[in-house]
Amino acid sequence: MDGSEPVSRPFDAGRNGIILSEGAAVLVLEEEGHALDRGAEIIAVIKGCANAFDPAADRSFRHAGTGLADAIRLALKDASLNPEDIDYISACSNATIGLDRMETRAIKEVFGKHAFNISVSSVKIHDWRIFFSFGSSFTISSSACDQQGFVPPTMNYREQDPECDLDYVSIKPERNR
């Protein structure tokens, strides 16, 4: 930290790290057929998921990213989707230089030129960094935004880091494309 006021700024050139918080999120998943049988409103459908390990990860994250790229590829395959089918990524982006840049590199590796056509934002800034429930929190936030027809902004994003050069949604939400 540089002594300035602690403000989380994912992907921003002036970011200064993680701000920890407390919080919880509970995500209840239901088999689609069961939800349809009982007449439930389906808010979102999880089409694919994956997990991968990154053996090259180091403290600087300069050599990291293969695990994330592999997980994205495997999730796309599990969902029977192509990279061109994706128009929004809810990024992890914890506002540290190493991880934000690693995430950007992994997205570009998987999506190639199409990466620059994908809206990317982080909802993490809205609930700070609730470590163990952020997956549920991200899914709930992203699903709610999609249902309302907009892409959530990455709050406090003002100045582009030259190594984080994707289409980051900043300050104001965008309407879905």
N, C-alpha and C. Protein backbone atom coordinates (compact mmCIF):
# COMPACT_ATOMS: atom_id res chain seq x y z
N MET A 1 0.84 -1.18 0.00
CA MET A 1 0.00 0.00 0.00
C MET A 1 0.89 1.24 0.00
N ASP A 2 0.42 2.27 -0.63
CA ASP A 2 1.21 3.49 -0.74
C ASP A 2 0.83 4.55 0.28
N GLY A 3 -0.01 4.21 1.25
CA GLY A 3 -0.42 5.15 2.28
C GLY A 3 -1.66 5.93 1.92
N SER A 4 -2.12 5.80 0.68
CA SER A 4 -3.34 6.50 0.30
C SER A 4 -4.55 5.78 0.88
N GLU A 5 -5.69 6.40 0.74
CA GLU A 5 -6.92 5.80 1.22
C GLU A 5 -7.12 4.43 0.58
N PRO A 6 -7.45 3.43 1.37
CA PRO A 6 -7.61 2.09 0.79
C PRO A 6 -8.88 2.00 -0.07
N VAL A 7 -8.68 1.88 -1.37
CA VAL A 7 -9.76 1.75 -2.32
C VAL A 7 -9.38 0.63 -3.27
N SER A 8 -10.24 -0.34 -3.42
CA SER A 8 -9.97 -1.44 -4.35
C SER A 8 -10.24 -0.96 -5.77
N ARG A 9 -9.27 -1.18 -6.66
CA ARG A 9 -9.39 -0.72 -8.05
C ARG A 9 -8.93 -1.83 -8.99
N PRO A 10 -9.74 -2.86 -9.20
CA PRO A 10 -9.34 -3.94 -10.10
C PRO A 10 -8.97 -3.43 -11.49
N PHE A 11 -7.88 -3.95 -12.03
CA PHE A 11 -7.37 -3.67 -13.37
C PHE A 11 -6.90 -2.23 -13.57
N ASP A 12 -7.02 -1.37 -12.60
CA ASP A 12 -6.64 0.03 -12.70
C ASP A 12 -5.14 0.20 -12.49
N ALA A 13 -4.53 1.10 -13.23
CA ALA A 13 -3.09 1.34 -13.11
C ALA A 13 -2.70 1.79 -11.70
N GLY A 14 -3.61 2.42 -10.97
CA GLY A 14 -3.30 2.90 -9.62
C GLY A 14 -3.74 1.98 -8.50
N ARG A 15 -4.06 0.74 -8.84
CA ARG A 15 -4.55 -0.18 -7.80
C ARG A 15 -3.48 -0.41 -6.73
N ASN A 16 -3.97 -0.71 -5.53
CA ASN A 16 -3.02 -0.94 -4.45
C ASN A 16 -3.39 -2.15 -3.58
N GLY A 17 -4.13 -3.08 -4.13
CA GLY A 17 -4.32 -4.35 -3.45
C GLY A 17 -5.71 -4.65 -2.94
N ILE A 18 -5.75 -5.73 -2.23
CA ILE A 18 -6.98 -6.33 -1.72
C ILE A 18 -7.48 -5.58 -0.49
N ILE A 19 -8.79 -5.47 -0.38
CA ILE A 19 -9.42 -5.00 0.84
C ILE A 19 -10.28 -6.15 1.32
N LEU A 20 -9.95 -6.66 2.49
CA LEU A 20 -10.66 -7.80 3.04
C LEU A 20 -11.99 -7.38 3.66
N SER A 21 -12.93 -8.30 3.67
CA SER A 21 -14.21 -8.01 4.29
C SER A 21 -14.82 -9.30 4.81
N GLU A 22 -15.91 -9.14 5.50
CA GLU A 22 -16.67 -10.29 5.95
C GLU A 22 -17.95 -10.34 5.15
N GLY A 23 -18.43 -11.53 4.93
CA GLY A 23 -19.67 -11.66 4.20
C GLY A 23 -19.97 -13.12 3.93
N ALA A 24 -21.13 -13.36 3.45
CA ALA A 24 -21.53 -14.72 3.12
C ALA A 24 -22.51 -14.68 1.96
N ALA A 25 -22.52 -15.75 1.22
CA ALA A 25 -23.47 -15.90 0.13
C ALA A 25 -23.81 -17.38 0.04
N VAL A 26 -25.07 -17.65 -0.17
CA VAL A 26 -25.50 -19.04 -0.32
C VAL A 26 -26.17 -19.16 -1.68
N LEU A 27 -25.69 -20.08 -2.45
CA LEU A 27 -26.22 -20.33 -3.78
C LEU A 27 -26.88 -21.70 -3.76
N VAL A 28 -28.16 -21.73 -4.06
CA VAL A 28 -28.90 -22.99 -4.07
C VAL A 28 -29.08 -23.41 -5.52
N LEU A 29 -28.54 -24.57 -5.86
CA LEU A 29 -28.68 -25.10 -7.21
C LEU A 29 -29.76 -26.16 -7.23
N GLU A 30 -30.52 -26.17 -8.30
CA GLU A 30 -31.61 -27.14 -8.43
C GLU A 30 -31.55 -27.74 -9.82
N GLU A 31 -31.83 -29.01 -9.92
CA GLU A 31 -31.88 -29.69 -11.21
C GLU A 31 -32.97 -29.02 -12.05
N GLU A 32 -32.65 -28.74 -13.31
CA GLU A 32 -33.55 -27.96 -14.16
C GLU A 32 -34.94 -28.58 -14.29
N GLY A 33 -35.01 -29.88 -14.50
CA GLY A 33 -36.30 -30.54 -14.66
C GLY A 33 -37.18 -30.37 -13.43
N HIS A 34 -36.57 -30.47 -12.26
CA HIS A 34 -37.32 -30.29 -11.01
C HIS A 34 -37.86 -28.87 -10.91
N ALA A 35 -37.01 -27.90 -11.24
CA ALA A 35 -37.44 -26.49 -11.19
C ALA A 35 -38.59 -26.24 -12.16
N LEU A 36 -38.52 -26.80 -13.35
CA LEU A 36 -39.59 -26.63 -14.34
C LEU A 36 -40.88 -27.30 -13.86
N ASP A 37 -40.76 -28.49 -13.27
CA ASP A 37 -41.93 -29.21 -12.78
C ASP A 37 -42.68 -28.43 -11.72
N ARG A 38 -41.97 -27.69 -10.89
CA ARG A 38 -42.64 -26.94 -9.83
C ARG A 38 -42.96 -25.51 -10.23
N GLY A 39 -42.67 -25.15 -11.50
CA GLY A 39 -43.02 -23.83 -12.01
C GLY A 39 -42.12 -22.71 -11.52
N ALA A 40 -40.90 -23.03 -11.14
CA ALA A 40 -39.98 -22.01 -10.63
C ALA A 40 -39.49 -21.10 -11.75
N GLU A 41 -39.23 -19.86 -11.39
CA GLU A 41 -38.59 -18.94 -12.33
C GLU A 41 -37.10 -19.29 -12.36
N ILE A 42 -36.60 -19.63 -13.53
CA ILE A 42 -35.19 -19.98 -13.65
C ILE A 42 -34.41 -18.70 -13.92
N ILE A 43 -33.53 -18.37 -12.99
CA ILE A 43 -32.76 -17.13 -13.06
C ILE A 43 -31.51 -17.31 -13.92
N ALA A 44 -30.88 -18.45 -13.79
CA ALA A 44 -29.65 -18.72 -14.55
C ALA A 44 -29.47 -20.23 -14.66
N VAL A 45 -28.70 -20.61 -15.66
CA VAL A 45 -28.38 -22.02 -15.87
C VAL A 45 -26.87 -22.14 -15.92
N ILE A 46 -26.32 -23.03 -15.12
CA ILE A 46 -24.89 -23.31 -15.19
C ILE A 46 -24.70 -24.40 -16.23
N LYS A 47 -24.08 -24.04 -17.34
CA LYS A 47 -23.91 -24.98 -18.45
C LYS A 47 -22.64 -25.79 -18.35
N GLY A 48 -21.63 -25.25 -17.72
CA GLY A 48 -20.37 -25.97 -17.63
C GLY A 48 -19.52 -25.41 -16.50
N CYS A 49 -18.63 -26.24 -16.02
CA CYS A 49 -17.70 -25.78 -14.99
C CYS A 49 -16.42 -26.60 -15.09
N ALA A 50 -15.37 -26.11 -14.48
CA ALA A 50 -14.09 -26.81 -14.52
C ALA A 50 -13.18 -26.25 -13.46
N ASN A 51 -12.13 -26.99 -13.19
CA ASN A 51 -11.11 -26.58 -12.24
C ASN A 51 -9.78 -27.09 -12.78
N ALA A 52 -8.74 -26.35 -12.58
CA ALA A 52 -7.42 -26.77 -13.05
C ALA A 52 -6.36 -26.21 -12.12
N PHE A 53 -5.23 -26.86 -12.10
CA PHE A 53 -4.10 -26.49 -11.25
C PHE A 53 -3.07 -25.75 -12.09
N ASP A 54 -2.35 -24.83 -11.49
CA ASP A 54 -1.32 -24.08 -12.20
C ASP A 54 0.04 -24.37 -11.58
N PRO A 55 0.76 -25.34 -12.11
CA PRO A 55 2.05 -25.71 -11.52
C PRO A 55 3.13 -24.65 -11.69
N ALA A 56 2.94 -23.69 -12.60
CA ALA A 56 3.96 -22.67 -12.84
C ALA A 56 3.77 -21.43 -11.97
N ALA A 57 2.72 -21.40 -11.17
CA ALA A 57 2.43 -20.21 -10.37
C ALA A 57 3.57 -19.91 -9.40
N ASP A 58 3.91 -18.65 -9.32
CA ASP A 58 4.91 -18.20 -8.37
C ASP A 58 4.37 -16.94 -7.69
N ARG A 59 5.09 -16.41 -6.76
CA ARG A 59 4.58 -15.26 -6.01
C ARG A 59 4.38 -14.02 -6.87
N SER A 60 5.10 -13.89 -7.95
CA SER A 60 4.97 -12.71 -8.80
C SER A 60 3.85 -12.89 -9.83
N PHE A 61 3.43 -14.11 -10.07
CA PHE A 61 2.40 -14.45 -11.05
C PHE A 61 2.84 -14.18 -12.49
N ARG A 62 4.12 -13.90 -12.73
CA ARG A 62 4.60 -13.67 -14.09
C ARG A 62 4.52 -14.94 -14.94
N HIS A 63 4.67 -16.09 -14.30
CA HIS A 63 4.67 -17.35 -15.04
C HIS A 63 3.37 -18.11 -14.84
N ALA A 64 2.42 -17.51 -14.17
CA ALA A 64 1.16 -18.18 -13.86
C ALA A 64 0.13 -17.92 -14.96
N GLY A 65 -0.92 -18.69 -14.91
CA GLY A 65 -2.03 -18.47 -15.82
C GLY A 65 -2.46 -19.71 -16.57
N THR A 66 -1.60 -20.72 -16.64
CA THR A 66 -1.97 -21.92 -17.40
C THR A 66 -3.15 -22.63 -16.74
N GLY A 67 -3.20 -22.66 -15.43
CA GLY A 67 -4.32 -23.30 -14.74
C GLY A 67 -5.64 -22.60 -15.03
N LEU A 68 -5.63 -21.27 -14.97
CA LEU A 68 -6.84 -20.52 -15.27
C LEU A 68 -7.26 -20.72 -16.72
N ALA A 69 -6.31 -20.62 -17.64
CA ALA A 69 -6.62 -20.83 -19.06
C ALA A 69 -7.18 -22.23 -19.30
N ASP A 70 -6.57 -23.23 -18.67
CA ASP A 70 -7.07 -24.60 -18.81
C ASP A 70 -8.48 -24.73 -18.25
N ALA A 71 -8.75 -24.12 -17.09
CA ALA A 71 -10.08 -24.19 -16.50
C ALA A 71 -11.13 -23.54 -17.41
N ILE A 72 -10.78 -22.41 -18.02
CA ILE A 72 -11.73 -21.75 -18.93
C ILE A 72 -12.00 -22.64 -20.13
N ARG A 73 -10.94 -23.19 -20.72
CA ARG A 73 -11.11 -24.09 -21.88
C ARG A 73 -11.99 -25.30 -21.52
N LEU A 74 -11.71 -25.90 -20.37
CA LEU A 74 -12.47 -27.07 -19.94
C LEU A 74 -13.94 -26.72 -19.66
N ALA A 75 -14.18 -25.55 -19.08
CA ALA A 75 -15.55 -25.12 -18.82
C ALA A 75 -16.31 -24.88 -20.13
N LEU A 76 -15.64 -24.27 -21.10
CA LEU A 76 -16.26 -24.08 -22.42
C LEU A 76 -16.61 -25.42 -23.05
N LYS A 77 -15.68 -26.36 -22.96
CA LYS A 77 -15.91 -27.70 -23.52
C LYS A 77 -17.07 -28.38 -22.79
N ASP A 78 -17.08 -28.31 -21.46
CA ASP A 78 -18.15 -28.92 -20.67
C ASP A 78 -19.51 -28.33 -21.04
N ALA A 79 -19.54 -27.05 -21.39
CA ALA A 79 -20.78 -26.36 -21.76
C ALA A 79 -21.11 -26.48 -23.24
N SER A 80 -20.23 -27.13 -24.00
CA SER A 80 -20.39 -27.23 -25.47
C SER A 80 -20.49 -25.84 -26.11
N LEU A 81 -19.63 -24.94 -25.66
CA LEU A 81 -19.58 -23.58 -26.19
C LEU A 81 -18.22 -23.33 -26.85
N ASN A 82 -18.22 -22.41 -27.79
CA ASN A 82 -16.99 -21.94 -28.42
C ASN A 82 -16.60 -20.61 -27.79
N PRO A 83 -15.33 -20.25 -27.85
CA PRO A 83 -14.92 -18.94 -27.30
C PRO A 83 -15.75 -17.78 -27.85
N GLU A 84 -16.16 -17.84 -29.12
CA GLU A 84 -16.92 -16.76 -29.74
C GLU A 84 -18.34 -16.63 -29.18
N ASP A 85 -18.79 -17.63 -28.43
CA ASP A 85 -20.13 -17.58 -27.84
C ASP A 85 -20.17 -16.72 -26.58
N ILE A 86 -19.02 -16.34 -26.07
CA ILE A 86 -18.94 -15.61 -24.81
C ILE A 86 -18.92 -14.10 -25.07
N ASP A 87 -19.78 -13.35 -24.35
CA ASP A 87 -19.80 -11.90 -24.51
C ASP A 87 -19.56 -11.16 -23.20
N TYR A 88 -19.45 -11.91 -22.07
CA TYR A 88 -19.17 -11.27 -20.78
C TYR A 88 -18.38 -12.23 -19.90
N ILE A 89 -17.40 -11.68 -19.19
CA ILE A 89 -16.64 -12.43 -18.19
C ILE A 89 -16.71 -11.68 -16.87
N SER A 90 -17.15 -12.38 -15.84
CA SER A 90 -17.11 -11.85 -14.48
C SER A 90 -15.76 -12.25 -13.91
N ALA A 91 -14.84 -11.31 -13.91
CA ALA A 91 -13.44 -11.59 -13.57
C ALA A 91 -13.22 -11.65 -12.07
N CYS A 92 -12.20 -12.38 -11.68
CA CYS A 92 -11.81 -12.48 -10.27
C CYS A 92 -11.16 -11.17 -9.82
N SER A 93 -10.19 -10.71 -10.56
CA SER A 93 -9.53 -9.41 -10.38
C SER A 93 -9.51 -8.88 -8.96
N ASN A 94 -8.50 -9.28 -8.23
CA ASN A 94 -8.45 -8.85 -6.82
C ASN A 94 -7.70 -7.55 -6.59
N ALA A 95 -7.42 -6.81 -7.65
CA ALA A 95 -6.78 -5.49 -7.56
C ALA A 95 -5.31 -5.57 -7.15
N THR A 96 -4.66 -6.69 -7.44
CA THR A 96 -3.21 -6.77 -7.29
C THR A 96 -2.61 -6.85 -8.69
N ILE A 97 -1.48 -6.25 -8.87
CA ILE A 97 -0.86 -6.17 -10.19
C ILE A 97 -0.66 -7.56 -10.79
N GLY A 98 -0.05 -8.47 -10.03
CA GLY A 98 0.27 -9.78 -10.57
C GLY A 98 -0.95 -10.58 -10.98
N LEU A 99 -1.96 -10.64 -10.13
CA LEU A 99 -3.14 -11.44 -10.45
C LEU A 99 -4.00 -10.80 -11.54
N ASP A 100 -4.16 -9.50 -11.53
CA ASP A 100 -4.95 -8.85 -12.58
C ASP A 100 -4.31 -9.06 -13.95
N ARG A 101 -3.00 -8.93 -14.01
CA ARG A 101 -2.30 -9.13 -15.29
C ARG A 101 -2.34 -10.60 -15.72
N MET A 102 -2.21 -11.52 -14.76
CA MET A 102 -2.28 -12.94 -15.08
C MET A 102 -3.66 -13.29 -15.63
N GLU A 103 -4.70 -12.77 -15.02
CA GLU A 103 -6.05 -13.06 -15.48
C GLU A 103 -6.27 -12.50 -16.89
N THR A 104 -5.76 -11.32 -17.16
CA THR A 104 -5.86 -10.73 -18.49
C THR A 104 -5.14 -11.60 -19.52
N ARG A 105 -3.93 -12.05 -19.20
CA ARG A 105 -3.17 -12.92 -20.12
C ARG A 105 -3.92 -14.22 -20.40
N ALA A 106 -4.50 -14.82 -19.37
CA ALA A 106 -5.23 -16.09 -19.54
C ALA A 106 -6.45 -15.89 -20.43
N ILE A 107 -7.18 -14.81 -20.25
CA ILE A 107 -8.35 -14.52 -21.09
C ILE A 107 -7.91 -14.36 -22.54
N LYS A 108 -6.84 -13.61 -22.77
CA LYS A 108 -6.35 -13.42 -24.14
C LYS A 108 -5.87 -14.73 -24.76
N GLU A 109 -5.24 -15.58 -23.93
CA GLU A 109 -4.76 -16.86 -24.44
C GLU A 109 -5.92 -17.74 -24.91
N VAL A 110 -6.98 -17.80 -24.15
CA VAL A 110 -8.12 -18.66 -24.49
C VAL A 110 -8.96 -18.07 -25.62
N PHE A 111 -9.24 -16.78 -25.56
CA PHE A 111 -10.19 -16.18 -26.49
C PHE A 111 -9.54 -15.52 -27.70
N GLY A 112 -8.22 -15.40 -27.72
CA GLY A 112 -7.54 -14.81 -28.87
C GLY A 112 -8.05 -13.42 -29.17
N LYS A 113 -8.23 -13.11 -30.45
CA LYS A 113 -8.70 -11.78 -30.86
C LYS A 113 -10.09 -11.47 -30.33
N HIS A 114 -10.89 -12.51 -30.13
CA HIS A 114 -12.25 -12.31 -29.61
C HIS A 114 -12.24 -11.75 -28.18
N ALA A 115 -11.14 -11.92 -27.45
CA ALA A 115 -11.05 -11.41 -26.08
C ALA A 115 -11.35 -9.92 -26.01
N PHE A 116 -11.02 -9.18 -27.07
CA PHE A 116 -11.22 -7.73 -27.08
C PHE A 116 -12.68 -7.35 -27.37
N ASN A 117 -13.52 -8.35 -27.71
CA ASN A 117 -14.95 -8.12 -27.94
C ASN A 117 -15.80 -8.52 -26.74
N ILE A 118 -15.16 -8.98 -25.69
CA ILE A 118 -15.87 -9.47 -24.51
C ILE A 118 -15.85 -8.39 -23.43
N SER A 119 -17.03 -8.07 -22.89
CA SER A 119 -17.08 -7.16 -21.74
C SER A 119 -16.55 -7.90 -20.53
N VAL A 120 -15.67 -7.25 -19.77
CA VAL A 120 -15.09 -7.85 -18.58
C VAL A 120 -15.31 -6.88 -17.43
N SER A 121 -15.77 -7.42 -16.31
CA SER A 121 -15.89 -6.58 -15.12
C SER A 121 -15.70 -7.43 -13.88
N SER A 122 -15.57 -6.76 -12.78
CA SER A 122 -15.43 -7.45 -11.51
C SER A 122 -16.48 -6.95 -10.54
N VAL A 123 -17.29 -7.88 -10.07
CA VAL A 123 -18.28 -7.50 -9.05
C VAL A 123 -17.67 -7.59 -7.66
N LYS A 124 -16.43 -8.06 -7.59
CA LYS A 124 -15.76 -8.20 -6.30
C LYS A 124 -15.70 -6.87 -5.55
N ILE A 125 -15.52 -5.81 -6.27
CA ILE A 125 -15.42 -4.50 -5.65
C ILE A 125 -16.71 -4.12 -4.91
N HIS A 126 -17.83 -4.67 -5.34
CA HIS A 126 -19.11 -4.36 -4.71
C HIS A 126 -19.24 -4.99 -3.33
N ASP A 127 -18.56 -6.13 -3.12
CA ASP A 127 -18.62 -6.78 -1.80
C ASP A 127 -17.23 -6.96 -1.22
N TRP A 128 -16.27 -6.24 -1.73
CA TRP A 128 -14.87 -6.31 -1.33
C TRP A 128 -14.33 -7.71 -1.54
N ARG A 129 -13.67 -8.29 -0.58
CA ARG A 129 -13.02 -9.59 -0.80
C ARG A 129 -13.48 -10.57 0.27
N ILE A 130 -14.63 -11.18 0.02
CA ILE A 130 -15.14 -12.19 0.96
C ILE A 130 -14.63 -13.55 0.49
N PHE A 131 -13.46 -13.88 0.96
CA PHE A 131 -12.69 -15.02 0.47
C PHE A 131 -13.47 -16.28 0.14
N PHE A 132 -14.11 -16.88 1.11
CA PHE A 132 -14.63 -18.22 0.90
C PHE A 132 -16.01 -18.27 0.27
N SER A 133 -16.67 -17.15 0.11
CA SER A 133 -17.98 -17.19 -0.53
C SER A 133 -18.01 -16.39 -1.82
N PHE A 134 -16.82 -16.03 -2.34
CA PHE A 134 -16.84 -15.17 -3.52
C PHE A 134 -17.38 -15.88 -4.76
N GLY A 135 -17.23 -17.18 -4.87
CA GLY A 135 -17.77 -17.90 -6.03
C GLY A 135 -19.28 -17.81 -6.06
N SER A 136 -19.90 -18.04 -4.92
CA SER A 136 -21.36 -17.91 -4.83
C SER A 136 -21.78 -16.47 -5.04
N SER A 137 -21.07 -15.55 -4.44
CA SER A 137 -21.38 -14.14 -4.56
C SER A 137 -21.29 -13.68 -6.02
N PHE A 138 -20.22 -14.07 -6.72
CA PHE A 138 -20.05 -13.72 -8.14
C PHE A 138 -21.20 -14.26 -8.96
N THR A 139 -21.54 -15.52 -8.73
CA THR A 139 -22.59 -16.15 -9.52
C THR A 139 -23.93 -15.47 -9.28
N ILE A 140 -24.24 -15.16 -8.05
CA ILE A 140 -25.50 -14.49 -7.72
C ILE A 140 -25.53 -13.09 -8.35
N SER A 141 -24.47 -12.32 -8.18
CA SER A 141 -24.42 -10.96 -8.73
C SER A 141 -24.50 -10.95 -10.25
N SER A 142 -23.71 -11.81 -10.88
CA SER A 142 -23.70 -11.86 -12.35
C SER A 142 -25.04 -12.31 -12.90
N SER A 143 -25.65 -13.30 -12.25
CA SER A 143 -26.96 -13.78 -12.71
C SER A 143 -28.03 -12.71 -12.57
N ALA A 144 -28.02 -12.00 -11.45
CA ALA A 144 -29.00 -10.94 -11.23
C ALA A 144 -28.83 -9.81 -12.25
N CYS A 145 -27.60 -9.45 -12.53
CA CYS A 145 -27.34 -8.40 -13.52
C CYS A 145 -27.80 -8.84 -14.90
N ASP A 146 -27.48 -10.08 -15.26
CA ASP A 146 -27.89 -10.60 -16.57
C ASP A 146 -29.41 -10.61 -16.68
N GLN A 147 -30.07 -11.02 -15.63
CA GLN A 147 -31.53 -11.06 -15.63
C GLN A 147 -32.12 -9.66 -15.82
N GLN A 148 -31.44 -8.65 -15.29
CA GLN A 148 -31.91 -7.27 -15.42
C GLN A 148 -31.43 -6.62 -16.72
N GLY A 149 -30.59 -7.33 -17.48
CA GLY A 149 -30.17 -6.84 -18.79
C GLY A 149 -28.99 -5.90 -18.80
N PHE A 150 -28.10 -6.01 -17.82
CA PHE A 150 -26.92 -5.16 -17.87
C PHE A 150 -25.68 -5.89 -17.37
N VAL A 151 -24.54 -5.33 -17.75
CA VAL A 151 -23.24 -5.83 -17.31
C VAL A 151 -22.79 -4.92 -16.17
N PRO A 152 -22.47 -5.50 -15.01
CA PRO A 152 -22.09 -4.66 -13.87
C PRO A 152 -20.75 -3.98 -14.10
N PRO A 153 -20.58 -2.78 -13.55
CA PRO A 153 -19.31 -2.08 -13.73
C PRO A 153 -18.24 -2.59 -12.76
N THR A 154 -17.01 -2.29 -13.10
CA THR A 154 -15.89 -2.48 -12.18
C THR A 154 -15.70 -1.13 -11.50
N MET A 155 -16.17 -1.02 -10.29
CA MET A 155 -16.11 0.25 -9.59
C MET A 155 -14.66 0.70 -9.41
N ASN A 156 -14.45 1.98 -9.43
CA ASN A 156 -13.15 2.63 -9.20
C ASN A 156 -12.15 2.42 -10.33
N TYR A 157 -12.56 1.83 -11.44
CA TYR A 157 -11.66 1.66 -12.57
C TYR A 157 -11.64 2.96 -13.36
N ARG A 158 -10.46 3.59 -13.41
CA ARG A 158 -10.35 4.89 -14.09
C ARG A 158 -9.19 4.95 -15.07
N GLU A 159 -8.04 4.39 -14.69
CA GLU A 159 -6.83 4.52 -15.50
C GLU A 159 -6.34 3.14 -15.93
N GLN A 160 -6.26 2.95 -17.24
CA GLN A 160 -5.89 1.64 -17.78
C GLN A 160 -4.44 1.27 -17.49
N ASP A 161 -4.25 0.08 -17.02
CA ASP A 161 -2.92 -0.54 -16.92
C ASP A 161 -2.62 -1.03 -18.33
N PRO A 162 -1.52 -0.64 -18.94
CA PRO A 162 -1.21 -1.06 -20.32
C PRO A 162 -1.20 -2.58 -20.50
N GLU A 163 -0.94 -3.34 -19.44
CA GLU A 163 -0.93 -4.80 -19.56
C GLU A 163 -2.31 -5.41 -19.30
N CYS A 164 -3.26 -4.59 -18.91
CA CYS A 164 -4.64 -5.02 -18.74
C CYS A 164 -5.47 -4.23 -19.75
N ASP A 165 -5.52 -4.73 -20.96
CA ASP A 165 -6.04 -3.94 -22.08
C ASP A 165 -7.32 -4.50 -22.70
N LEU A 166 -8.11 -5.19 -21.93
CA LEU A 166 -9.37 -5.73 -22.44
C LEU A 166 -10.48 -4.69 -22.28
N ASP A 167 -11.70 -5.06 -22.65
CA ASP A 167 -12.85 -4.16 -22.56
C ASP A 167 -13.44 -4.22 -21.16
N TYR A 168 -12.78 -3.55 -20.20
CA TYR A 168 -13.26 -3.53 -18.83
C TYR A 168 -14.39 -2.53 -18.69
N VAL A 169 -15.51 -2.98 -18.17
CA VAL A 169 -16.66 -2.11 -17.96
C VAL A 169 -16.35 -1.28 -16.72
N SER A 170 -16.34 0.03 -16.89
CA SER A 170 -15.94 0.89 -15.79
C SER A 170 -17.05 1.86 -15.36
N ILE A 171 -17.06 2.14 -14.11
CA ILE A 171 -17.91 3.13 -13.45
C ILE A 171 -19.42 2.91 -13.64
N LYS A 172 -19.92 2.93 -14.87
CA LYS A 172 -21.36 2.79 -15.09
C LYS A 172 -21.65 1.44 -15.74
N PRO A 173 -22.75 0.82 -15.38
CA PRO A 173 -23.11 -0.45 -16.00
C PRO A 173 -23.42 -0.26 -17.49
N GLU A 174 -23.22 -1.30 -18.26
CA GLU A 174 -23.56 -1.30 -19.69
C GLU A 174 -24.78 -2.17 -19.89
N ARG A 175 -25.58 -1.83 -20.87
CA ARG A 175 -26.68 -2.68 -21.27
C ARG A 175 -26.09 -3.91 -21.95
N ASN A 176 -26.71 -5.07 -21.79
CA ASN A 176 -26.23 -6.27 -22.48
C ASN A 176 -26.18 -6.02 -23.97
N ARG A 177 -25.17 -6.62 -24.59
CA ARG A 177 -24.99 -6.44 -26.04
C ARG A 177 -25.95 -7.31 -26.81
